[in-house]
Amino acid sequence: MSGISGPSSKPRIAVALLYEEPNAPKVVASGQGWIGEKIIETAKEHGVPIEEDPVLAQALSTIEIDEEIPEALYRAVAEVLSFLLKR
């Protein structure tokens, strides 16, 4: 799953998460601008589901690569994962 910020004058932010039970989801890629665009492009090429959520993307972008998301973001990420899995 990737959280990406929506279109605006600001550079897009992309965050890729990996979720392997029983662990919490962790950030596996994050970037903005050109790097963010490459993350999105790579996700699309590999059929990775993408959800645009600028607020969540911004919050997730503060987490270090290979770090689990904090409990404060569990609910927001769970809602996105649930939505993506129903597609």
Protein backbone atom coordinates (compact mmCIF):
# COMPACT_ATOMS: atom_id res chain seq x y z
CA MET A 1 0.00 0.00 0.00
CA SER A 2 1.15 3.49 -0.69
CA GLY A 3 -0.14 6.63 0.95
CA ILE A 4 0.23 9.57 -1.36
CA SER A 5 -0.65 13.19 -1.11
CA GLY A 6 -3.07 14.61 -3.63
CA PRO A 7 -2.48 17.07 -6.44
CA SER A 8 -1.45 20.57 -5.37
CA SER A 9 1.40 23.00 -5.79
CA LYS A 10 3.39 21.09 -3.14
CA PRO A 11 5.54 18.13 -4.16
CA ARG A 12 3.67 14.84 -3.83
CA ILE A 13 4.57 12.66 -0.89
CA ALA A 14 4.51 8.89 -1.26
CA VAL A 15 4.89 6.34 1.51
CA ALA A 16 4.92 2.58 0.94
CA LEU A 17 3.92 0.26 3.76
CA LEU A 18 4.48 -3.45 4.29
CA TYR A 19 2.08 -5.35 6.52
CA GLU A 20 2.99 -8.85 7.66
CA GLU A 21 0.89 -10.21 10.51
CA PRO A 22 1.30 -10.32 13.47
CA ASN A 23 3.52 -7.22 13.26
CA ALA A 24 2.37 -3.65 12.77
CA PRO A 25 2.72 -2.19 9.27
CA LYS A 26 6.13 -0.68 8.62
CA VAL A 27 7.38 2.00 6.26
CA VAL A 28 9.45 0.48 3.44
CA ALA A 29 9.78 3.54 1.18
CA SER A 30 9.12 7.24 1.55
CA GLY A 31 9.84 10.32 -0.50
CA GLN A 32 8.51 13.52 -1.99
CA GLY A 33 8.82 15.23 -5.32
CA TRP A 34 10.71 13.15 -7.88
CA ILE A 35 11.36 10.33 -5.40
CA GLY A 36 7.68 10.26 -4.45
CA GLU A 37 6.72 10.05 -8.12
CA LYS A 38 9.14 7.12 -8.62
CA ILE A 39 7.63 5.29 -5.63
CA ILE A 40 4.15 5.74 -7.13
CA GLU A 41 5.34 4.67 -10.60
CA THR A 42 7.03 1.55 -9.20
CA ALA A 43 3.93 0.65 -7.17
CA LYS A 44 1.73 0.93 -10.27
CA GLU A 45 4.15 -1.19 -12.33
CA HIS A 46 3.94 -3.96 -9.71
CA GLY A 47 0.19 -3.79 -9.15
CA VAL A 48 0.51 -2.41 -5.62
CA PRO A 49 -2.73 -0.77 -4.46
CA ILE A 50 -2.51 2.99 -4.03
CA GLU A 51 -4.63 5.27 -1.87
CA GLU A 52 -4.39 9.06 -1.93
CA ASP A 53 -4.56 10.54 1.55
CA PRO A 54 -2.46 13.71 1.94
CA VAL A 55 -2.84 13.96 5.72
CA LEU A 56 -1.93 10.32 6.33
CA ALA A 57 0.94 10.48 3.82
CA GLN A 58 2.38 13.49 5.65
CA ALA A 59 2.14 11.72 9.02
CA LEU A 60 3.67 8.51 7.66
CA SER A 61 6.50 10.41 5.96
CA THR A 62 7.95 11.29 9.37
CA ILE A 63 8.59 7.61 10.17
CA GLU A 64 12.02 6.14 9.41
CA ILE A 65 12.37 3.41 6.77
CA ASP A 66 11.93 -0.11 8.26
CA GLU A 67 10.20 1.32 11.35
CA GLU A 68 6.73 0.17 12.37
CA ILE A 69 3.99 2.77 12.35
CA PRO A 70 3.10 4.20 15.78
CA GLU A 71 -0.08 3.13 17.56
CA ALA A 72 -1.52 6.59 16.98
CA LEU A 73 -1.76 5.77 13.24
CA TYR A 74 -3.12 2.21 13.55
CA ARG A 75 -6.75 3.17 13.01
CA ALA A 76 -6.09 5.41 9.97
CA VAL A 77 -3.84 2.81 8.33
CA ALA A 78 -6.28 -0.01 9.15
CA GLU A 79 -9.07 1.90 7.41
CA VAL A 80 -6.93 2.35 4.30
CA LEU A 81 -5.84 -1.30 4.30
CA SER A 82 -9.44 -2.44 4.70
CA PHE A 83 -10.54 -0.23 1.80
CA LEU A 84 -7.71 -1.45 -0.44
CA LEU A 85 -8.33 -5.12 0.34
CA LYS A 86 -11.99 -4.78 -0.66
CA ARG A 87 -11.11 -3.53 -4.15
